PDB file of N, CA and C in Angstrom:
ATOM      1  N   GLN A   1     -15.201 -26.873  -1.974  1.00  0.00           N
ATOM      2  CA  GLN A   1     -15.056 -25.376  -1.395  1.00  0.00           C
ATOM      3  C   GLN A   1     -13.878 -24.541  -2.123  1.00  0.00           C
ATOM      4  N   VAL A   2     -14.352 -23.466  -2.446  1.00  0.00           N
ATOM      5  CA  VAL A   2     -13.339 -22.412  -3.144  1.00  0.00           C
ATOM      6  C   VAL A   2     -11.878 -21.766  -1.842  1.00  0.00           C
ATOM      7  N   GLN A   3     -10.632 -22.215  -2.605  1.00  0.00           N
ATOM      8  CA  GLN A   3      -9.644 -21.276  -1.855  1.00  0.00           C
ATOM      9  C   GLN A   3      -8.881 -20.145  -2.631  1.00  0.00           C
ATOM     10  N   LEU A   4      -9.115 -18.668  -1.509  1.00  0.00           N
ATOM     11  CA  LEU A   4      -8.717 -17.810  -2.030  1.00  0.00           C
ATOM     12  C   LEU A   4      -7.945 -17.532  -1.853  1.00  0.00           C
ATOM     13  N   ARG A   5      -5.950 -16.651  -2.312  1.00  0.00           N
ATOM     14  CA  ARG A   5      -5.269 -15.867  -2.331  1.00  0.00           C
ATOM     15  C   ARG A   5      -4.964 -15.481  -2.310  1.00  0.00           C
ATOM     16  N   GLU A   6      -4.584 -13.798  -1.899  1.00  0.00           N
ATOM     17  CA  GLU A   6      -4.591 -12.433  -1.921  1.00  0.00           C
ATOM     18  C   GLU A   6      -2.591 -12.248  -1.901  1.00  0.00           C
ATOM     19  N   SER A   7      -2.331 -11.276  -2.656  1.00  0.00           N
ATOM     20  CA  SER A   7      -1.190 -10.835  -2.745  1.00  0.00           C
ATOM     21  C   SER A   7      -1.095  -9.945  -3.325  1.00  0.00           C
ATOM     22  N   GLY A   8       0.504  -8.485  -3.577  1.00  0.00           N
ATOM     23  CA  GLY A   8       0.730  -7.780  -4.147  1.00  0.00           C
ATOM     24  C   GLY A   8       0.347  -6.960  -3.108  1.00  0.00           C
ATOM     25  N   GLY A   9      -0.272  -6.186  -1.889  1.00  0.00           N
ATOM     26  CA  GLY A   9       0.142  -5.564  -0.463  1.00  0.00           C
ATOM     27  C   GLY A   9       1.378  -5.473  -0.283  1.00  0.00           C
ATOM     28  N   GLY A  10       1.423  -4.303   0.450  1.00  0.00           N
ATOM     29  CA  GLY A  10       3.102  -3.554   0.688  1.00  0.00           C
ATOM     30  C   GLY A  10       2.788  -2.159   1.322  1.00  0.00           C
ATOM     31  N   THR A  11       3.602  -1.196   1.206  1.00  0.00           N
ATOM     32  CA  THR A  11       4.303  -0.353   1.544  1.00  0.00           C
ATOM     33  C   THR A  11       3.904   0.148   0.469  1.00  0.00           C
ATOM     34  N   VAL A  12       3.360   1.684   1.475  1.00  0.00           N
ATOM     35  CA  VAL A  12       3.981   2.620   0.030  1.00  0.00           C
ATOM     36  C   VAL A  12       3.637   3.949   0.355  1.00  0.00           C
ATOM     37  N   GLN A  13       3.852   5.099  -0.806  1.00  0.00           N
ATOM     38  CA  GLN A  13       3.707   6.873  -0.108  1.00  0.00           C
ATOM     39  C   GLN A  13       2.263   7.143  -0.936  1.00  0.00           C
ATOM     40  N   THR A  14       1.529   8.222  -0.045  1.00  0.00           N
ATOM     41  CA  THR A  14       0.580   8.547  -0.542  1.00  0.00           C
ATOM     42  C   THR A  14       0.846   8.975  -2.282  1.00  0.00           C
ATOM     43  N   GLY A  15      -0.152   8.736  -2.720  1.00  0.00           N
ATOM     44  CA  GLY A  15      -0.573   8.750  -4.331  1.00  0.00           C
ATOM     45  C   GLY A  15       0.290   7.349  -5.149  1.00  0.00           C
ATOM     46  N   ALA A  16       0.788   7.350  -4.548  1.00  0.00           N
ATOM     47  CA  ALA A  16       1.661   5.267  -5.185  1.00  0.00           C
ATOM     48  C   ALA A  16       0.677   4.615  -5.706  1.00  0.00           C
ATOM     49  N   SER A  17       0.581   3.791  -6.663  1.00  0.00           N
ATOM     50  CA  SER A  17       0.155   2.454  -7.514  1.00  0.00           C
ATOM     51  C   SER A  17      -0.056   1.319  -6.406  1.00  0.00           C
ATOM     52  N   LEU A  18      -1.142  -0.351  -6.373  1.00  0.00           N
ATOM     53  CA  LEU A  18      -0.097  -1.138  -6.289  1.00  0.00           C
ATOM     54  C   LEU A  18      -1.930  -1.987  -6.628  1.00  0.00           C
ATOM     55  N   ARG A  19      -1.006  -3.446  -7.263  1.00  0.00           N
ATOM     56  CA  ARG A  19      -1.850  -4.657  -8.048  1.00  0.00           C
ATOM     57  C   ARG A  19      -2.275  -4.996  -7.346  1.00  0.00           C
ATOM     58  N   LEU A  20      -3.066  -5.359  -6.086  1.00  0.00           N
ATOM     59  CA  LEU A  20      -3.756  -6.467  -5.670  1.00  0.00           C
ATOM     60  C   LEU A  20      -4.236  -7.905  -7.006  1.00  0.00           C
ATOM     61  N   SER A  21      -3.882  -9.542  -6.156  1.00  0.00           N
ATOM     62  CA  SER A  21      -3.911 -10.111  -6.604  1.00  0.00           C
ATOM     63  C   SER A  21      -4.734 -11.351  -6.310  1.00  0.00           C
ATOM     64  N   CYS A  22      -5.783 -11.460  -6.653  1.00  0.00           N
ATOM     65  CA  CYS A  22      -6.694 -12.775  -6.395  1.00  0.00           C
ATOM     66  C   CYS A  22      -6.842 -14.412  -6.940  1.00  0.00           C
ATOM     67  N   THR A  23      -5.655 -15.404  -6.977  1.00  0.00           N
ATOM     68  CA  THR A  23      -5.730 -16.499  -7.330  1.00  0.00           C
ATOM     69  C   THR A  23      -6.744 -17.388  -6.695  1.00  0.00           C
ATOM     70  N   TYR A  24      -7.519 -17.945  -7.622  1.00  0.00           N
ATOM     71  CA  TYR A  24      -8.990 -18.977  -6.810  1.00  0.00           C
ATOM     72  C   TYR A  24      -8.347 -20.033  -6.948  1.00  0.00           C
ATOM     73  N   SER A  25      -8.501 -21.566  -6.575  1.00  0.00           N
ATOM     74  CA  SER A  25      -8.317 -22.486  -6.341  1.00  0.00           C
ATOM     75  C   SER A  25      -8.920 -23.678  -7.025  1.00  0.00           C
ATOM     76  N   GLN A  26      -9.892 -23.254  -8.101  1.00  0.00           N
ATOM     77  CA  GLN A  26     -10.484 -24.418  -8.957  1.00  0.00           C
ATOM     78  C   GLN A  26     -11.189 -23.072  -9.409  1.00  0.00           C
ATOM     79  N   PRO A  27     -11.042 -23.521 -11.139  1.00  0.00           N
ATOM     80  CA  PRO A  27     -11.760 -22.833 -12.434  1.00  0.00           C
ATOM     81  C   PRO A  27     -13.252 -22.724 -11.649  1.00  0.00           C
ATOM     82  N   ILE A  28     -14.227 -21.570 -11.474  1.00  0.00           N
ATOM     83  CA  ILE A  28     -15.239 -20.903 -10.907  1.00  0.00           C
ATOM     84  C   ILE A  28     -15.916 -20.866 -12.566  1.00  0.00           C
ATOM     85  N   HIS A  29     -17.457 -21.032 -11.638  1.00  0.00           N
ATOM     86  CA  HIS A  29     -17.613 -20.991 -13.199  1.00  0.00           C
ATOM     87  C   HIS A  29     -17.995 -19.566 -14.229  1.00  0.00           C
ATOM     88  N   TYR A  30     -18.130 -18.983 -14.892  1.00  0.00           N
ATOM     89  CA  TYR A  30     -18.121 -17.751 -15.229  1.00  0.00           C
ATOM     90  C   TYR A  30     -19.159 -16.821 -14.870  1.00  0.00           C
ATOM     91  N   THR A  31     -19.938 -17.393 -13.957  1.00  0.00           N
ATOM     92  CA  THR A  31     -21.365 -16.722 -13.810  1.00  0.00           C
ATOM     93  C   THR A  31     -21.079 -15.441 -12.215  1.00  0.00           C
ATOM     94  N   TYR A  32     -19.849 -17.295 -11.618  1.00  0.00           N
ATOM     95  CA  TYR A  32     -19.351 -16.178 -10.789  1.00  0.00           C
ATOM     96  C   TYR A  32     -19.334 -14.634  -9.941  1.00  0.00           C
ATOM     97  N   ALA A  33     -19.267 -14.260  -8.789  1.00  0.00           N
ATOM     98  CA  ALA A  33     -18.731 -13.101  -8.314  1.00  0.00           C
ATOM     99  C   ALA A  33     -17.770 -12.722  -7.766  1.00  0.00           C
ATOM    100  N   ILE A  34     -16.643 -12.252  -8.439  1.00  0.00           N
ATOM    101  CA  ILE A  34     -15.854 -12.764  -7.087  1.00  0.00           C
ATOM    102  C   ILE A  34     -16.067 -10.589  -6.418  1.00  0.00           C
ATOM    103  N   ASP A  35     -15.391 -10.210  -5.424  1.00  0.00           N
ATOM    104  CA  ASP A  35     -15.825  -9.626  -4.168  1.00  0.00           C
ATOM    105  C   ASP A  35     -14.209  -9.052  -3.317  1.00  0.00           C
ATOM    106  N   TRP A  36     -13.835  -7.696  -3.472  1.00  0.00           N
ATOM    107  CA  TRP A  36     -12.661  -7.526  -2.788  1.00  0.00           C
ATOM    108  C   TRP A  36     -13.385  -6.370  -1.661  1.00  0.00           C
ATOM    109  N   PHE A  37     -13.560  -6.596  -0.199  1.00  0.00           N
ATOM    110  CA  PHE A  37     -13.461  -6.055   0.544  1.00  0.00           C
ATOM    111  C   PHE A  37     -12.356  -5.646   1.491  1.00  0.00           C
ATOM    112  N   ARG A  38     -12.238  -5.141   2.483  1.00  0.00           N
ATOM    113  CA  ARG A  38     -11.178  -4.160   2.909  1.00  0.00           C
ATOM    114  C   ARG A  38     -11.478  -4.194   4.269  1.00  0.00           C
ATOM    115  N   GLN A  39     -10.176  -3.922   5.595  1.00  0.00           N
ATOM    116  CA  GLN A  39     -10.528  -3.862   6.799  1.00  0.00           C
ATOM    117  C   GLN A  39     -10.004  -3.093   7.004  1.00  0.00           C
ATOM    118  N   ARG A  40     -10.363  -1.492   7.436  1.00  0.00           N
ATOM    119  CA  ARG A  40      -9.110  -0.953   8.138  1.00  0.00           C
ATOM    120  C   ARG A  40      -8.888  -0.897   9.743  1.00  0.00           C
ATOM    121  N   PRO A  41      -8.124  -0.306  10.198  1.00  0.00           N
ATOM    122  CA  PRO A  41      -7.349  -0.578  12.018  1.00  0.00           C
ATOM    123  C   PRO A  41      -8.942   0.115  12.609  1.00  0.00           C
ATOM    124  N   GLY A  42      -9.088  -1.063  13.425  1.00  0.00           N
ATOM    125  CA  GLY A  42     -10.217  -0.422  14.341  1.00  0.00           C
ATOM    126  C   GLY A  42     -11.873  -0.454  13.519  1.00  0.00           C
ATOM    127  N   LYS A  43     -11.905  -1.134  12.480  1.00  0.00           N
ATOM    128  CA  LYS A  43     -13.623  -0.469  11.477  1.00  0.00           C
ATOM    129  C   LYS A  43     -13.725  -2.021  11.251  1.00  0.00           C
ATOM    130  N   GLU A  44     -15.521  -2.439  10.620  1.00  0.00           N
ATOM    131  CA  GLU A  44     -15.454  -3.023  10.413  1.00  0.00           C
ATOM    132  C   GLU A  44     -15.133  -3.424   8.951  1.00  0.00           C
ATOM    133  N   ARG A  45     -15.127  -4.183   8.606  1.00  0.00           N
ATOM    134  CA  ARG A  45     -14.696  -5.210   6.993  1.00  0.00           C
ATOM    135  C   ARG A  45     -15.869  -4.600   6.333  1.00  0.00           C
ATOM    136  N   GLU A  46     -15.732  -3.650   4.928  1.00  0.00           N
ATOM    137  CA  GLU A  46     -15.836  -3.218   4.025  1.00  0.00           C
ATOM    138  C   GLU A  46     -16.040  -3.364   2.842  1.00  0.00           C
ATOM    139  N   TRP A  47     -17.072  -3.692   1.375  1.00  0.00           N
ATOM    140  CA  TRP A  47     -17.386  -4.036   0.744  1.00  0.00           C
ATOM    141  C   TRP A  47     -16.263  -2.491   0.003  1.00  0.00           C
ATOM    142  N   VAL A  48     -15.569  -3.533  -1.011  1.00  0.00           N
ATOM    143  CA  VAL A  48     -14.805  -2.633  -1.573  1.00  0.00           C
ATOM    144  C   VAL A  48     -15.269  -2.627  -3.012  1.00  0.00           C
ATOM    145  N   ALA A  49     -15.550  -3.730  -4.400  1.00  0.00           N
ATOM    146  CA  ALA A  49     -15.568  -4.214  -5.426  1.00  0.00           C
ATOM    147  C   ALA A  49     -15.955  -4.904  -5.907  1.00  0.00           C
ATOM    148  N   ILE A  50     -17.058  -5.523  -6.660  1.00  0.00           N
ATOM    149  CA  ILE A  50     -17.416  -6.909  -7.023  1.00  0.00           C
ATOM    150  C   ILE A  50     -17.203  -6.793  -8.285  1.00  0.00           C
ATOM    151  N   ILE A  51     -16.699  -8.189  -9.821  1.00  0.00           N
ATOM    152  CA  ILE A  51     -17.004  -8.181 -10.482  1.00  0.00           C
ATOM    153  C   ILE A  51     -17.636  -9.460 -10.757  1.00  0.00           C
ATOM    154  N   ARG A  52     -18.367  -9.499 -11.613  1.00  0.00           N
ATOM    155  CA  ARG A  52     -20.140 -10.731 -11.847  1.00  0.00           C
ATOM    156  C   ARG A  52     -19.607 -11.230 -12.984  1.00  0.00           C
ATOM    157  N   GLY A  53     -19.827 -12.738 -13.123  1.00  0.00           N
ATOM    158  CA  GLY A  53     -19.863 -13.491 -14.024  1.00  0.00           C
ATOM    159  C   GLY A  53     -20.160 -12.460 -15.839  1.00  0.00           C
ATOM    160  N   SER A  54     -20.726 -11.840 -15.498  1.00  0.00           N
ATOM    161  CA  SER A  54     -21.530 -10.943 -16.426  1.00  0.00           C
ATOM    162  C   SER A  54     -20.121 -10.016 -17.040  1.00  0.00           C
ATOM    163  N   ASP A  55     -18.949 -10.196 -16.404  1.00  0.00           N
ATOM    164  CA  ASP A  55     -18.252  -8.606 -16.528  1.00  0.00           C
ATOM    165  C   ASP A  55     -18.886  -7.262 -16.490  1.00  0.00           C
ATOM    166  N   SER A  56     -19.881  -7.512 -15.368  1.00  0.00           N
ATOM    167  CA  SER A  56     -20.387  -6.331 -14.866  1.00  0.00           C
ATOM    168  C   SER A  56     -19.775  -5.941 -13.483  1.00  0.00           C
ATOM    169  N   ILE A  57     -19.407  -4.856 -13.118  1.00  0.00           N
ATOM    170  CA  ILE A  57     -18.601  -4.106 -12.461  1.00  0.00           C
ATOM    171  C   ILE A  57     -18.927  -3.218 -11.546  1.00  0.00           C
ATOM    172  N   ASP A  58     -19.282  -2.851 -10.533  1.00  0.00           N
ATOM    173  CA  ASP A  58     -19.534  -2.168  -9.130  1.00  0.00           C
ATOM    174  C   ASP A  58     -18.309  -1.373  -8.174  1.00  0.00           C
ATOM    175  N   TYR A  59     -18.246  -0.439  -8.162  1.00  0.00           N
ATOM    176  CA  TYR A  59     -17.640   0.024  -7.035  1.00  0.00           C
ATOM    177  C   TYR A  59     -18.050   0.750  -5.793  1.00  0.00           C
ATOM    178  N   ALA A  60     -17.383   0.644  -4.426  1.00  0.00           N
ATOM    179  CA  ALA A  60     -18.069   1.151  -3.472  1.00  0.00           C
ATOM    180  C   ALA A  60     -17.501   3.206  -3.434  1.00  0.00           C
ATOM    181  N   ASP A  61     -18.194   3.536  -3.255  1.00  0.00           N
ATOM    182  CA  ASP A  61     -18.651   5.642  -3.382  1.00  0.00           C
ATOM    183  C   ASP A  61     -16.880   5.871  -3.094  1.00  0.00           C
ATOM    184  N   PHE A  62     -16.148   5.513  -1.677  1.00  0.00           N
ATOM    185  CA  PHE A  62     -15.362   5.824  -1.042  1.00  0.00           C
ATOM    186  C   PHE A  62     -14.555   5.382  -2.667  1.00  0.00           C
ATOM    187  N   VAL A  63     -14.080   4.469  -3.412  1.00  0.00           N
ATOM    188  CA  VAL A  63     -13.519   4.499  -4.418  1.00  0.00           C
ATOM    189  C   VAL A  63     -12.975   5.445  -4.614  1.00  0.00           C
ATOM    190  N   GLU A  64     -13.966   6.312  -5.464  1.00  0.00           N
ATOM    191  CA  GLU A  64     -14.296   7.853  -6.416  1.00  0.00           C
ATOM    192  C   GLU A  64     -13.046   7.121  -7.785  1.00  0.00           C
ATOM    193  N   GLY A  65     -13.139   6.417  -8.979  1.00  0.00           N
ATOM    194  CA  GLY A  65     -12.409   6.538  -9.815  1.00  0.00           C
ATOM    195  C   GLY A  65     -11.441   6.452  -9.738  1.00  0.00           C
ATOM    196  N   ARG A  66     -10.586   5.185  -8.427  1.00  0.00           N
ATOM    197  CA  ARG A  66      -9.277   5.309  -8.421  1.00  0.00           C
ATOM    198  C   ARG A  66      -8.709   3.842  -8.772  1.00  0.00           C
ATOM    199  N   PHE A  67      -9.632   2.855  -8.300  1.00  0.00           N
ATOM    200  CA  PHE A  67      -9.362   1.113  -8.360  1.00  0.00           C
ATOM    201  C   PHE A  67     -10.235   0.995  -9.482  1.00  0.00           C
ATOM    202  N   THR A  68      -9.512  -0.010 -10.203  1.00  0.00           N
ATOM    203  CA  THR A  68     -10.159  -1.437 -11.473  1.00  0.00           C
ATOM    204  C   THR A  68      -9.853  -2.512 -10.822  1.00  0.00           C
ATOM    205  N   ILE A  69     -11.184  -3.086 -11.199  1.00  0.00           N
ATOM    206  CA  ILE A  69     -11.297  -4.368 -10.724  1.00  0.00           C
ATOM    207  C   ILE A  69     -11.429  -4.998 -12.218  1.00  0.00           C
ATOM    208  N   SER A  70     -10.594  -6.549 -12.574  1.00  0.00           N
ATOM    209  CA  SER A  70     -10.208  -6.987 -13.777  1.00  0.00           C
ATOM    210  C   SER A  70     -10.468  -8.616 -13.237  1.00  0.00           C
ATOM    211  N   ARG A  71     -10.783  -9.511 -13.974  1.00  0.00           N
ATOM    212  CA  ARG A  71     -10.652 -10.482 -14.128  1.00  0.00           C
ATOM    213  C   ARG A  71      -9.779 -11.560 -15.381  1.00  0.00           C
ATOM    214  N   ASP A  72      -8.919 -12.374 -15.017  1.00  0.00           N
ATOM    215  CA  ASP A  72      -8.274 -13.397 -16.133  1.00  0.00           C
ATOM    216  C   ASP A  72      -8.728 -14.733 -15.959  1.00  0.00           C
ATOM    217  N   THR A  73      -9.756 -14.882 -16.472  1.00  0.00           N
ATOM    218  CA  THR A  73     -10.105 -16.034 -16.506  1.00  0.00           C
ATOM    219  C   THR A  73      -9.176 -17.749 -16.996  1.00  0.00           C
ATOM    220  N   ALA A  74      -8.306 -17.335 -17.641  1.00  0.00           N
ATOM    221  CA  ALA A  74      -7.605 -17.830 -18.153  1.00  0.00           C
ATOM    222  C   ALA A  74      -6.066 -18.648 -16.952  1.00  0.00           C
ATOM    223  N   THR A  75      -6.443 -17.454 -15.988  1.00  0.00           N
ATOM    224  CA  THR A  75      -5.551 -17.752 -14.586  1.00  0.00           C
ATOM    225  C   THR A  75      -5.817 -18.345 -13.127  1.00  0.00           C
ATOM    226  N   ASN A  76      -7.404 -17.970 -13.885  1.00  0.00           N
ATOM    227  CA  ASN A  76      -8.042 -17.610 -12.429  1.00  0.00           C
ATOM    228  C   ASN A  76      -8.177 -16.277 -11.196  1.00  0.00           C
ATOM    229  N   THR A  77      -7.737 -15.629 -11.969  1.00  0.00           N
ATOM    230  CA  THR A  77      -6.728 -14.706 -10.993  1.00  0.00           C
ATOM    231  C   THR A  77      -8.087 -13.362 -10.683  1.00  0.00           C
ATOM    232  N   VAL A  78      -8.169 -12.878 -10.002  1.00  0.00           N
ATOM    233  CA  VAL A  78      -9.077 -10.856 -10.187  1.00  0.00           C
ATOM    234  C   VAL A  78      -7.914  -9.952  -9.536  1.00  0.00           C
ATOM    235  N   TYR A  79      -7.757  -9.168 -10.196  1.00  0.00           N
ATOM    236  CA  TYR A  79      -6.958  -7.932  -9.443  1.00  0.00           C
ATOM    237  C   TYR A  79      -7.924  -7.004  -9.191  1.00  0.00           C
ATOM    238  N   LEU A  80      -7.310  -6.401  -8.283  1.00  0.00           N
ATOM    239  CA  LEU A  80      -7.647  -5.222  -8.331  1.00  0.00           C
ATOM    240  C   LEU A  80      -6.077  -4.011  -8.039  1.00  0.00           C
ATOM    241  N   GLN A  81      -6.272  -3.175  -9.195  1.00  0.00           N
ATOM    242  CA  GLN A  81      -5.574  -2.131  -9.567  1.00  0.00           C
ATOM    243  C   GLN A  81      -6.157  -0.434  -8.792  1.00  0.00           C
ATOM    244  N   MET A  82      -4.852  -0.282  -7.698  1.00  0.00           N
ATOM    245  CA  MET A  82      -5.321   0.700  -7.078  1.00  0.00           C
ATOM    246  C   MET A  82      -4.591   1.749  -7.110  1.00  0.00           C
ATOM    247  N   ASN A  83      -4.354   3.003  -7.785  1.00  0.00           N
ATOM    248  CA  ASN A  83      -3.618   4.182  -7.175  1.00  0.00           C
ATOM    249  C   ASN A  83      -4.325   5.418  -7.073  1.00  0.00           C
ATOM    250  N   SER A  84      -3.498   6.634  -6.853  1.00  0.00           N
ATOM    251  CA  SER A  84      -3.866   7.865  -5.964  1.00  0.00           C
ATOM    252  C   SER A  84      -4.290   7.083  -5.110  1.00  0.00           C
ATOM    253  N   LEU A  85      -3.215   5.578  -3.976  1.00  0.00           N
ATOM    254  CA  LEU A  85      -3.585   5.802  -2.810  1.00  0.00           C
ATOM    255  C   LEU A  85      -3.473   6.633  -1.733  1.00  0.00           C
ATOM    256  N   LYS A  86      -4.365   7.199  -0.428  1.00  0.00           N
ATOM    257  CA  LYS A  86      -4.505   7.804   0.328  1.00  0.00           C
ATOM    258  C   LYS A  86      -4.361   6.868   1.598  1.00  0.00           C
ATOM    259  N   PRO A  87      -3.757   7.999   2.839  1.00  0.00           N
ATOM    260  CA  PRO A  87      -2.734   6.778   4.156  1.00  0.00           C
ATOM    261  C   PRO A  87      -4.656   6.165   4.468  1.00  0.00           C
ATOM    262  N   GLU A  88      -6.147   6.785   3.972  1.00  0.00           N
ATOM    263  CA  GLU A  88      -6.977   5.976   4.528  1.00  0.00           C
ATOM    264  C   GLU A  88      -7.458   4.698   3.960  1.00  0.00           C
ATOM    265  N   ASP A  89      -6.546   4.665   2.768  1.00  0.00           N
ATOM    266  CA  ASP A  89      -6.949   3.195   2.563  1.00  0.00           C
ATOM    267  C   ASP A  89      -5.728   2.165   2.956  1.00  0.00           C
ATOM    268  N   ASN A  90      -5.276   2.444   4.209  1.00  0.00           N
ATOM    269  CA  ASN A  90      -4.801   1.453   4.780  1.00  0.00           C
ATOM    270  C   ASN A  90      -5.812   0.666   5.149  1.00  0.00           C
ATOM    271  N   ALA A  91      -5.278  -0.897   5.357  1.00  0.00           N
ATOM    272  CA  ALA A  91      -6.212  -1.904   5.458  1.00  0.00           C
ATOM    273  C   ALA A  91      -5.876  -2.963   5.348  1.00  0.00           C
ATOM    274  N   VAL A  92      -5.909  -4.565   5.245  1.00  0.00           N
ATOM    275  CA  VAL A  92      -6.111  -5.849   5.320  1.00  0.00           C
ATOM    276  C   VAL A  92      -6.973  -5.793   3.715  1.00  0.00           C
ATOM    277  N   TYR A  93      -6.852  -6.091   2.935  1.00  0.00           N
ATOM    278  CA  TYR A  93      -7.594  -6.105   1.380  1.00  0.00           C
ATOM    279  C   TYR A  93      -7.856  -8.250   1.755  1.00  0.00           C
ATOM    280  N   TYR A  94      -9.101  -8.492   1.517  1.00  0.00           N
ATOM    281  CA  TYR A  94      -9.346  -9.729   0.977  1.00  0.00           C
ATOM    282  C   TYR A  94     -10.021  -9.585  -0.464  1.00  0.00           C
ATOM    283  N   CYS A  95      -9.998 -10.518  -0.744  1.00  0.00           N
ATOM    284  CA  CYS A  95     -11.103 -11.217  -1.975  1.00  0.00           C
ATOM    285  C   CYS A  95     -11.824 -12.598  -1.188  1.00  0.00           C
ATOM    286  N   ALA A  96     -13.424 -12.325  -2.206  1.00  0.00           N
ATOM    287  CA  ALA A  96     -13.650 -12.933  -1.680  1.00  0.00           C
ATOM    288  C   ALA A  96     -15.153 -13.834  -2.390  1.00  0.00           C
ATOM    289  N   ALA A  97     -15.363 -15.480  -2.758  1.00  0.00           N
ATOM    290  CA  ALA A  97     -16.233 -15.490  -3.400  1.00  0.00           C
ATOM    291  C   ALA A  97     -16.859 -16.652  -2.566  1.00  0.00           C
ATOM    292  N   GLU A  98     -18.257 -15.628  -2.548  1.00  0.00           N
ATOM    293  CA  GLU A  98     -18.518 -15.722  -0.936  1.00  0.00           C
ATOM    294  C   GLU A  98     -19.426 -16.802  -0.892  1.00  0.00           C
ATOM    295  N   PRO A  99     -19.699 -17.816   0.311  1.00  0.00           N
ATOM    296  CA  PRO A  99     -19.320 -17.161   1.292  1.00  0.00           C
ATOM    297  C   PRO A  99     -17.388 -17.327   1.647  1.00  0.00           C
ATOM    298  N   ASN A 100     -17.140 -17.568   0.783  1.00  0.00           N
ATOM    299  CA  ASN A 100     -15.242 -18.266   1.301  1.00  0.00           C
ATOM    300  C   ASN A 100     -14.361 -16.606   0.772  1.00  0.00           C
ATOM    301  N   PHE A 101     -13.454 -16.684   1.801  1.00  0.00           N
ATOM    302  CA  PHE A 101     -13.081 -15.205   1.426  1.00  0.00           C
ATOM    303  C   PHE A 101     -11.074 -15.944   2.378  1.00  0.00           C
ATOM    304  N   GLY A 102     -10.537 -15.336   1.352  1.00  0.00           N
ATOM    305  CA  GLY A 102      -8.984 -15.160   1.116  1.00  0.00           C
ATOM    306  C   GLY A 102      -8.487 -15.206   2.864  1.00  0.00           C
ATOM    307  N   ARG A 103      -6.840 -15.201   3.179  1.00  0.00           N
ATOM    308  CA  ARG A 103      -6.771 -14.613   4.248  1.00  0.00           C
ATOM    309  C   ARG A 103      -6.198 -13.627   4.308  1.00  0.00           C
ATOM    310  N   GLY A 104      -6.553 -12.679   3.230  1.00  0.00           N
ATOM    311  CA  GLY A 104      -6.028 -11.124   2.969  1.00  0.00           C
ATOM    312  C   GLY A 104      -4.364 -10.452   3.130  1.00  0.00           C
ATOM    313  N   THR A 105      -4.383 -10.189   2.264  1.00  0.00           N
ATOM    314  CA  THR A 105      -3.041  -8.877   2.085  1.00  0.00           C
ATOM    315  C   THR A 105      -2.989  -7.202   2.156  1.00  0.00           C
ATOM    316  N   GLN A 106      -1.722  -7.204   3.488  1.00  0.00           N
ATOM    317  CA  GLN A 106      -1.361  -5.787   3.986  1.00  0.00           C
ATOM    318  C   GLN A 106      -1.359  -4.739   3.130  1.00  0.00           C
ATOM    319  N   VAL A 107      -1.611  -3.929   2.957  1.00  0.00           N
ATOM    320  CA  VAL A 107      -1.570  -2.589   2.070  1.00  0.00           C
ATOM    321  C   VAL A 107      -1.202  -0.765   3.300  1.00  0.00           C
ATOM    322  N   THR A 108      -0.668  -0.332   3.003  1.00  0.00           N
ATOM    323  CA  THR A 108       0.264   0.338   4.092  1.00  0.00           C
ATOM    324  C   THR A 108       0.524   2.020   3.049  1.00  0.00           C
ATOM    325  N   VAL A 109      -0.273   2.691   3.373  1.00  0.00           N
ATOM    326  CA  VAL A 109      -0.156   4.020   2.891  1.00  0.00           C
ATOM    327  C   VAL A 109       0.595   5.001   3.535  1.00  0.00           C
ATOM    328  N   SER A 110       2.009   5.682   3.320  1.00  0.00           N
ATOM    329  CA  SER A 110       2.517   6.359   4.185  1.00  0.00           C
ATOM    330  C   SER A 110       2.345   7.923   3.851  1.00  0.00           C
ATOM    331  N   SER A 111       1.603   8.654   5.061  1.00  0.00           N
ATOM    332  CA  SER A 111       1.398   9.975   4.061  1.00  0.00           C
ATOM    333  C   SER A 111       3.209  10.821   4.247  1.00  0.00           C
TER     334      SER A 111
END
């Protein structure tokens, strides 16, 4: 079973940037997709972005060009670069190699 660990969360002001990292415990075949999800306070978990083994990428509509997902296969890490953060981006962010999820990292954006 793949184990995933997120890091890089924190508290920032509106308009700031954060880079989240997702490190997975064992090499995943290059065809494996990694997703980022988030769960905002009082809301259901929602999908944020995906990077597939072919390196094709998709984002949720609310990203609006602010986030970039990328992968470093040499270090078994997937990144989520988040720019122009808004208070509505407050959430716990999770990475997933479904059906496996990490424990999440908290992102707090103050207005």
